[in-house]
Protein backbone atom coordinates (compact mmCIF):
# COMPACT_ATOMS: atom_id res chain seq x y z
CA MET A 1 -2.95 -4.53 -13.24
CA THR A 2 -2.92 -5.47 -9.91
CA SER A 3 -2.90 -9.56 -9.29
CA VAL A 4 -5.50 -11.53 -7.58
CA ASP A 5 -3.42 -12.49 -4.92
CA GLU A 6 -1.86 -8.84 -4.31
CA GLN A 7 -5.89 -7.72 -4.44
CA ILE A 8 -6.78 -10.83 -1.62
CA ARG A 9 -3.71 -9.81 0.85
CA ILE A 10 -4.11 -5.46 0.63
CA LEU A 11 -7.75 -6.07 1.03
CA THR A 12 -7.82 -8.42 3.66
CA ALA A 13 -5.41 -7.06 5.85
CA GLY A 14 -6.49 -5.93 9.07
CA ALA A 15 -10.28 -7.48 8.11
CA VAL A 16 -11.65 -9.55 11.14
CA ASP A 17 -14.39 -11.61 9.08
CA VAL A 18 -14.15 -12.53 4.88
CA ILE A 19 -17.28 -14.46 4.04
CA SER A 20 -15.57 -16.06 2.05
CA GLU A 21 -12.06 -15.31 1.27
CA ALA A 22 -12.88 -17.99 -2.11
CA ASP A 23 -15.66 -16.02 -2.76
CA LEU A 24 -14.00 -13.02 -2.98
CA ARG A 25 -11.01 -14.48 -5.39
CA ARG A 26 -13.45 -16.21 -7.47
CA LYS A 27 -15.07 -12.24 -7.77
CA LEU A 28 -12.21 -10.55 -8.51
CA ALA A 29 -10.73 -13.41 -11.01
CA LYS A 30 -13.58 -12.22 -13.13
CA GLY A 31 -11.83 -8.87 -14.03
CA ALA A 32 -14.43 -6.62 -13.93
CA PRO A 33 -14.75 -3.60 -10.78
CA LEU A 34 -16.83 -4.76 -8.22
CA ARG A 35 -19.70 -2.83 -6.51
CA VAL A 36 -18.28 -2.73 -2.98
CA LYS A 37 -21.27 -1.24 -1.04
CA LEU A 38 -20.60 0.26 2.49
CA GLY A 39 -23.83 1.64 4.39
CA ILE A 40 -24.26 5.27 6.25
CA ASP A 41 -26.94 5.93 8.61
CA PRO A 42 -26.50 10.00 9.41
CA THR A 43 -27.16 9.44 12.96
CA ALA A 44 -25.08 12.13 13.81
CA SER A 45 -23.44 15.25 12.83
CA ASP A 46 -19.65 14.48 12.31
CA ILE A 47 -17.54 11.48 11.57
CA HIS A 48 -15.01 10.04 14.04
CA LEU A 49 -11.78 8.10 13.24
CA GLY A 50 -13.58 4.79 14.44
CA PHE A 51 -15.49 5.09 11.41
CA THR A 52 -12.83 5.79 8.89
CA VAL A 53 -11.79 2.50 9.39
CA VAL A 54 -14.42 1.44 7.14
CA LEU A 55 -14.18 4.17 5.05
CA ARG A 56 -10.46 3.38 4.20
CA LYS A 57 -11.02 -0.39 3.66
CA LEU A 58 -14.05 0.99 0.82
CA ARG A 59 -10.90 3.41 -0.49
CA GLN A 60 -8.37 0.32 -1.04
CA PHE A 61 -11.00 -1.16 -3.03
CA GLN A 62 -11.27 2.13 -4.91
CA ASP A 63 -8.02 2.33 -5.53
CA LEU A 64 -8.05 -1.25 -7.12
CA GLY A 65 -10.18 -0.01 -9.45
CA HIS A 66 -13.58 -0.89 -7.80
CA THR A 67 -16.65 1.17 -7.80
CA ALA A 68 -17.67 2.69 -4.19
CA VAL A 69 -21.62 2.03 -3.68
CA LEU A 70 -22.58 5.10 -0.87
CA ILE A 71 -25.91 4.23 0.89
CA ILE A 72 -27.08 7.42 2.53
CA GLY A 73 -29.38 5.49 4.78
CA ASP A 74 -31.75 8.57 5.28
CA PHE A 75 -35.03 5.73 5.87
CA THR A 76 -32.76 2.95 7.99
CA ALA A 77 -31.58 6.18 9.86
CA ARG A 78 -35.14 7.08 10.79
CA VAL A 79 -36.00 3.71 12.14
CA GLY A 80 -32.96 3.42 13.92
CA ASP A 81 -30.25 0.24 13.77
CA PRO A 82 -30.43 -1.28 17.20
CA THR A 83 -26.82 -2.50 17.36
CA GLY A 84 -25.45 -2.57 20.79
CA ARG A 85 -28.59 -1.06 22.25
CA SER A 86 -30.08 -1.83 25.25
CA ALA A 87 -33.49 0.38 24.51
CA THR A 88 -35.46 1.65 21.63
CA ARG A 89 -33.48 4.39 20.30
CA PRO A 90 -36.44 7.53 19.58
CA PRO A 91 -36.87 8.14 16.02
CA LEU A 92 -35.11 11.15 13.93
CA THR A 93 -37.21 13.58 12.36
CA ALA A 94 -36.55 13.34 8.34
CA GLU A 95 -35.01 17.05 8.63
CA GLN A 96 -32.65 16.30 10.81
CA VAL A 97 -31.63 13.01 8.89
CA ASP A 98 -31.14 15.45 6.37
CA ALA A 99 -29.42 18.10 7.63
CA HIS A 100 -26.40 14.83 8.95
CA ALA A 101 -26.46 13.15 4.96
CA ASP A 102 -25.17 16.74 3.89
CA THR A 103 -22.40 16.89 6.51
CA TYR A 104 -21.52 13.19 6.30
CA VAL A 105 -21.33 13.41 2.12
CA ALA A 106 -19.15 16.80 2.51
CA GLN A 107 -16.80 14.64 5.31
CA VAL A 108 -16.14 11.26 3.37
CA ARG A 109 -14.87 13.37 0.67
CA GLU A 110 -11.81 13.79 2.73
CA ILE A 111 -11.14 9.89 2.36
CA LEU A 112 -13.12 8.24 -0.61
CA ASP A 113 -12.54 8.73 -4.36
CA PHE A 114 -15.27 10.97 -5.62
CA SER A 115 -13.87 10.92 -8.91
CA PRO A 116 -16.69 9.87 -12.02
CA GLY A 117 -16.77 6.48 -12.31
CA ARG A 118 -15.89 5.87 -9.02
CA ILE A 119 -18.31 6.33 -6.71
CA GLU A 120 -22.07 6.14 -6.76
CA ILE A 121 -23.94 7.96 -4.21
CA VAL A 122 -27.61 6.79 -3.10
CA ARG A 123 -30.53 6.98 -0.60
CA ASN A 124 -32.12 3.93 0.34
CA ALA A 125 -35.44 6.41 0.72
CA ASP A 126 -35.72 5.75 -2.66
CA TRP A 127 -36.80 2.06 -2.86
CA LEU A 128 -37.75 1.58 1.18
CA ALA A 129 -39.79 4.59 1.21
CA PRO A 130 -42.61 3.44 -1.70
CA MET A 131 -43.43 0.29 -0.80
CA ASP A 132 -46.49 -1.14 -0.13
CA MET A 133 -47.73 -3.53 2.39
CA ALA A 134 -47.77 -6.10 0.26
CA GLU A 135 -43.83 -5.67 -1.04
CA VAL A 136 -43.45 -5.19 3.16
CA LEU A 137 -44.84 -8.69 3.91
CA ARG A 138 -43.59 -10.30 0.80
CA LEU A 139 -39.60 -9.25 2.28
CA LEU A 140 -40.63 -10.14 6.01
CA GLY A 141 -41.57 -13.79 4.69
CA ARG A 142 -37.77 -13.91 3.45
CA THR A 143 -36.95 -14.51 6.76
CA THR A 144 -38.16 -16.14 10.11
CA LEU A 145 -38.54 -14.51 14.07
CA ALA A 146 -36.12 -17.20 15.04
CA ARG A 147 -33.31 -15.94 12.73
CA ILE A 148 -33.70 -12.80 13.53
CA LEU A 149 -33.61 -13.37 17.45
CA GLU A 150 -29.86 -15.07 16.93
CA ARG A 151 -28.77 -11.26 17.20
CA ASP A 152 -26.90 -11.22 20.59
CA ASP A 153 -28.31 -7.26 21.02
CA PHE A 154 -31.89 -8.94 20.42
CA THR A 155 -31.55 -11.99 22.39
CA LYS A 156 -29.95 -10.40 25.38
CA ARG A 157 -32.68 -7.98 25.48
CA TYR A 158 -35.54 -10.45 25.33
CA ARG A 159 -34.28 -12.39 28.07
CA GLU A 160 -33.70 -9.60 30.10
CA GLY A 161 -37.43 -8.36 29.43
CA SER A 162 -36.35 -5.14 27.34
CA PRO A 163 -39.11 -4.03 24.36
CA ILE A 164 -37.56 -4.39 21.55
CA SER A 165 -39.94 -2.76 18.49
CA LEU A 166 -41.15 -4.41 15.47
CA SER A 167 -39.37 -1.52 13.33
CA GLU A 168 -36.22 -2.99 14.88
CA LEU A 169 -36.43 -6.30 14.61
CA MET A 170 -37.28 -5.36 10.60
CA TYR A 171 -33.68 -3.40 9.72
CA PRO A 172 -31.61 -6.04 9.39
CA LEU A 173 -34.21 -6.91 6.56
CA LEU A 174 -34.18 -3.21 5.24
CA GLN A 175 -30.23 -3.15 5.15
CA GLY A 176 -30.49 -6.25 3.27
CA TRP A 177 -32.98 -5.35 1.27
CA ASP A 178 -30.30 -2.30 -0.08
CA SER A 179 -28.07 -4.81 -0.89
CA VAL A 180 -30.45 -6.49 -3.49
CA GLN A 181 -31.56 -3.01 -4.93
CA VAL A 182 -27.87 -1.95 -5.62
CA ARG A 183 -26.68 -5.93 -6.43
CA ALA A 184 -23.51 -5.38 -3.94
CA ASP A 185 -20.89 -7.86 -5.09
CA VAL A 186 -18.92 -6.79 -1.50
CA GLU A 187 -20.50 -5.26 1.58
CA LEU A 188 -18.34 -3.40 4.70
CA GLY A 189 -19.18 -3.03 7.80
CA GLY A 190 -17.71 -2.75 11.40
CA THR A 191 -17.73 -6.55 13.63
CA ASP A 192 -21.00 -5.15 14.83
CA GLN A 193 -22.74 -5.12 11.25
CA LEU A 194 -21.47 -8.88 10.64
CA PHE A 195 -25.61 -10.02 11.18
CA ASN A 196 -26.96 -7.43 8.75
CA ASN A 197 -24.70 -7.67 6.18
CA LEU A 198 -24.69 -11.53 6.07
CA MET A 199 -29.40 -10.87 6.04
CA GLY A 200 -27.78 -9.38 2.38
CA ARG A 201 -26.43 -12.43 1.51
CA GLN A 202 -29.71 -14.24 2.44
CA LEU A 203 -31.98 -12.12 0.71
CA GLN A 204 -29.63 -11.65 -2.35
CA GLU A 205 -29.64 -15.48 -2.82
CA ALA A 206 -33.26 -15.05 -2.27
CA GLU A 207 -33.71 -13.18 -5.12
CA GLY A 208 -31.57 -14.81 -7.61
CA GLN A 209 -28.78 -12.92 -7.44
CA GLU A 210 -25.10 -14.16 -6.46
CA PRO A 211 -24.68 -13.20 -2.33
CA GLN A 212 -22.01 -10.57 -2.19
CA VAL A 213 -18.63 -10.86 0.42
CA VAL A 214 -18.86 -10.05 3.56
CA ILE A 215 -15.80 -8.39 4.58
CA THR A 216 -15.81 -6.66 8.44
CA THR A 217 -13.45 -4.40 10.36
CA PRO A 218 -12.29 -3.92 13.61
CA LEU A 219 -13.98 -1.48 16.20
CA LEU A 220 -11.43 0.87 16.99
CA GLU A 221 -10.93 1.87 20.70
CA GLY A 222 -11.26 5.14 21.90
CA LEU A 223 -8.76 7.50 23.24
CA ASP A 224 -9.36 6.14 26.78
CA GLY A 225 -8.66 3.07 25.37
CA VAL A 226 -10.88 0.72 27.10
CA ASN A 227 -14.68 1.70 25.23
CA LYS A 228 -15.97 1.84 21.72
CA MET A 229 -14.44 5.25 19.87
CA SER A 230 -17.79 7.18 20.99
CA LYS A 231 -18.92 11.28 20.15
CA SER A 232 -21.41 10.17 23.58
CA LEU A 233 -18.27 8.85 25.47
CA GLY A 234 -16.26 11.98 24.49
CA ASN A 235 -13.54 9.14 23.81
CA TYR A 236 -13.44 10.49 20.38
CA VAL A 237 -11.11 12.44 17.29
CA GLY A 238 -13.48 14.17 14.65
CA ILE A 239 -11.96 14.20 11.26
CA ALA A 240 -13.56 17.76 11.38
CA GLU A 241 -12.13 18.91 14.01
CA PRO A 242 -9.12 21.48 14.04
CA ALA A 243 -5.40 20.26 13.62
CA GLY A 244 -3.91 20.97 16.59
CA GLU A 245 -7.25 19.33 18.33
CA GLN A 246 -6.70 16.23 16.62
CA PHE A 247 -3.03 16.39 17.23
CA GLY A 248 -3.18 16.69 21.38
CA LYS A 249 -6.19 13.97 21.48
CA LEU A 250 -3.75 11.75 19.62
CA MET A 251 -0.86 12.01 21.48
CA SER A 252 -2.97 11.18 24.52
CA ILE A 253 -3.30 7.66 23.51
CA PRO A 254 -2.24 4.79 25.65
CA ASP A 255 0.77 3.57 23.77
CA ALA A 256 -0.54 -0.24 23.76
CA LEU A 257 -3.05 1.62 21.13
CA MET A 258 -0.54 2.58 18.91
CA PRO A 259 -0.55 -0.86 16.85
CA ARG A 260 -3.65 -0.67 16.16
CA TYR A 261 -4.15 2.76 15.51
CA PHE A 262 -1.16 3.04 12.67
CA GLN A 263 -2.95 0.04 11.38
CA LEU A 264 -6.44 1.73 11.28
CA THR A 265 -6.40 5.31 11.29
CA THR A 266 -3.41 5.97 8.71
CA GLY A 267 -4.32 4.85 5.34
CA TRP A 268 -0.88 3.27 5.22
CA LEU A 269 -0.76 0.05 3.13
CA PRO A 270 0.15 -2.93 4.50
CA ASP A 271 3.80 -3.01 4.34
CA ARG A 272 3.97 0.11 6.02
CA VAL A 273 2.58 -0.52 8.81
CA ASP A 274 4.72 -3.58 9.63
CA ALA A 275 7.99 -1.47 8.85
CA VAL A 276 6.91 1.14 11.41
CA LEU A 277 5.39 -1.48 14.11
CA ALA A 278 8.45 -3.46 14.12
CA ASP A 279 10.89 -0.54 14.82
CA LEU A 280 8.68 0.26 17.32
CA ALA A 281 8.69 -2.98 18.82
CA SER A 282 12.49 -3.14 18.62
CA GLY A 283 13.03 -0.42 20.23
CA ALA A 284 14.33 1.34 16.97
CA LEU A 285 11.68 4.00 17.34
CA ALA A 286 10.80 4.96 20.58
CA PRO A 287 6.79 5.28 21.61
CA VAL A 288 6.58 9.29 21.84
CA GLN A 289 8.33 9.42 18.47
CA ALA A 290 6.03 6.99 16.88
CA LYS A 291 3.12 8.66 18.58
CA ARG A 292 4.65 12.18 17.02
CA LEU A 293 4.24 10.43 13.88
CA LEU A 294 0.71 8.93 14.26
CA ALA A 295 -0.38 12.52 14.76
CA ARG A 296 1.02 14.33 11.95
CA THR A 297 -0.21 11.59 9.26
CA VAL A 298 -3.21 11.49 11.05
CA VAL A 299 -3.41 15.54 10.84
CA ASP A 300 -2.17 15.74 7.31
CA LEU A 301 -4.82 13.32 6.31
CA TYR A 302 -7.20 15.40 7.11
CA HIS A 303 -5.95 18.87 6.66
CA GLY A 304 -2.85 18.93 4.30
CA ALA A 305 0.46 18.07 3.90
CA GLY A 306 2.63 19.80 6.39
CA ALA A 307 -0.37 20.76 8.86
CA GLY A 308 0.82 17.43 11.09
CA GLU A 309 4.18 19.25 11.62
CA ALA A 310 2.88 22.68 12.14
CA ALA A 311 0.21 21.17 14.92
CA GLU A 312 3.32 19.14 16.68
CA ALA A 313 5.28 22.84 16.73
CA GLU A 314 2.28 24.18 18.59
CA PHE A 315 1.64 21.39 20.70
CA ASP A 316 5.33 21.78 21.69
CA ARG A 317 5.01 25.42 22.06
CA VAL A 318 1.57 24.73 24.43
CA PHE A 319 2.75 22.01 26.64
CA ARG A 320 6.24 22.40 26.45
CA GLU A 321 7.27 26.08 26.78
CA GLY A 322 4.02 26.79 28.85
CA ALA A 323 2.74 29.26 26.20
CA ALA A 324 -0.87 30.22 25.21
CA PRO A 325 -1.90 28.35 21.85
CA THR A 326 -1.66 31.21 18.54
CA GLU A 327 -5.43 30.99 18.25
CA VAL A 328 -7.66 31.17 21.06
CA ALA A 329 -11.67 31.29 20.78
CA GLU A 330 -12.68 34.55 21.67
CA VAL A 331 -15.87 33.94 24.27
CA THR A 332 -18.59 37.08 24.58
CA VAL A 333 -20.51 37.89 28.02
CA ALA A 334 -22.93 40.35 28.61
CA ALA A 335 -22.27 42.99 30.94
CA GLY A 336 -25.58 42.68 32.76
CA ASP A 337 -24.54 39.16 33.23
CA LEU A 338 -21.67 40.25 35.43
CA PRO A 339 -20.21 39.75 37.93
CA MET A 340 -21.39 35.72 38.08
CA PRO A 341 -19.41 32.94 39.96
CA LEU A 342 -16.33 31.83 37.62
CA ALA A 343 -17.49 28.33 37.62
CA ARG A 344 -20.75 29.13 35.88
CA LEU A 345 -18.28 31.60 33.38
CA LEU A 346 -16.45 28.44 32.27
CA ALA A 347 -19.57 26.55 31.47
CA ILE A 348 -20.83 29.66 29.68
CA ALA A 349 -17.29 29.50 28.02
CA GLY A 350 -17.16 26.10 27.15
CA LEU A 351 -14.23 24.83 28.71
CA VAL A 352 -16.09 22.83 31.09
CA PRO A 353 -19.44 21.13 30.97
CA SER A 354 -21.47 22.12 33.63
CA ASN A 355 -20.98 24.62 36.42
CA LYS A 356 -20.48 21.70 39.00
CA GLU A 357 -17.49 20.37 36.75
CA GLY A 358 -15.92 24.21 36.93
CA ARG A 359 -16.33 24.20 40.42
CA ARG A 360 -14.39 20.56 40.35
CA LYS A 361 -11.69 21.53 38.18
CA ILE A 362 -11.46 25.10 40.57
CA GLU A 363 -10.60 23.09 43.41
CA GLN A 364 -8.45 20.68 41.92
CA GLY A 365 -6.36 23.86 40.90
CA GLY A 366 -6.67 23.33 36.84
CA VAL A 367 -7.93 26.98 36.46
CA ARG A 368 -6.02 29.71 35.66
CA ILE A 369 -6.36 33.49 34.41
CA GLU A 370 -3.66 34.78 32.95
CA GLY A 371 -1.51 32.21 34.03
CA GLU A 372 -2.48 32.83 37.41
CA ARG A 373 -4.04 29.78 39.27
CA VAL A 374 -7.15 30.19 41.19
CA ALA A 375 -7.40 28.81 44.22
CA ASP A 376 -11.60 30.02 45.26
CA ALA A 377 -14.08 27.62 44.14
CA ASP A 378 -16.82 30.67 44.97
CA LEU A 379 -14.83 33.61 43.18
CA GLU A 380 -17.06 35.64 41.39
CA VAL A 381 -16.00 37.68 38.35
CA GLY A 382 -16.98 41.07 36.96
CA ALA A 383 -16.45 42.97 34.21
CA ALA A 384 -13.33 44.87 35.28
CA ALA A 385 -11.59 41.30 36.45
CA ILE A 386 -12.58 39.42 33.12
CA ASP A 387 -12.59 41.46 30.32
CA GLY A 388 -10.09 40.17 27.73
CA ARG A 389 -9.06 37.96 30.21
CA LEU A 390 -7.18 34.66 29.04
CA VAL A 391 -8.71 31.52 30.73
CA GLN A 392 -7.08 28.42 31.15
CA VAL A 393 -8.62 24.88 32.16
CA GLY A 394 -6.22 21.87 32.57
CA LYS A 395 -3.53 22.08 29.46
CA ARG A 396 -5.78 21.96 26.52
CA ALA A 397 -8.80 24.11 27.13
CA TRP A 398 -8.14 27.87 26.60
CA ALA A 399 -11.00 31.14 26.14
CA ARG A 400 -11.02 34.98 26.02
CA ILE A 401 -13.31 36.42 27.59
CA VAL A 402 -14.90 39.98 26.41
CA VAL A 403 -17.60 41.49 28.02
CA GLY A 404 -20.07 42.95 25.63
């Protein structure tokens, strides 16, 4: 059995907040498996590396013999977490939430241990949806408006005169009530969830339960090296993305981010991370080689052993040798829609987000057809000129056009 000291070392490595380490040590010393809660509001269709940071921490608890309690926030997702938002978010439908939830569970299987007894998966609609008005009012009575407005995002919006719905004010209470329902010993979350997680401690104490330990993990910067990883910003690496896409994206991160990515995305224990970072700092490991190691490791995590090496070989073939990828998506265009501007075709093929961006890419010299650079932003292409041709935008976007 792993000692308490060693568990503390592993479980607090890379954490930002531990409230408190003394409480965690005391809980671990009892020798019984802890119930470690993580709530997921299924508000999008996939999971990116930024969210895997907290999932990896949950897996560390599992590997040390503790029980993961994964709460699918099918009720709270319809309320909408106000964290970091400057305006009220439109609510999701129950159908949207259910569809996203199924995708989330399938993807977290790549990280968490789903063996019997290692994980419990529950939905908070099971206890939140049946609450009557008396129960809601009793829950509201467990805190004060002043306490809720201590949240930085609420305070900022209130001062700016931005609307704050009453349902948003209730969100921390709903999340905290989840902790009461599952009798959590520990709750995990990103640093942006600290207030919500501390509300769980407050409600547990009010209900006569031992308050949970709160552990927060860092928010991972995206590929731009500045903003938090986010699908909406386009600076993300999805765990369900193809191996080659993952490898190529990770090769593009700024060198300064490599220590954080090794710490937060590889799933390695602290000793192994420290050894690689020491080699990187001393010059024994060149930055480009470190980045390749990082990319191979992450790809192997989500696509199986050897997938990273294969993705690296494909990356070199395309980017060093200038060859087309082994597998290129085919895009069918109706013959009746041709001829059309090349810029529009690029957008239809998904190689650029808009016709305007297609024109810009052509003007910058970033568009090729069968390896030949296109210089005319007004070029129109007909069926004979484009059928079966390989179109390239930049270094990583490719499509073969088929005229239907």
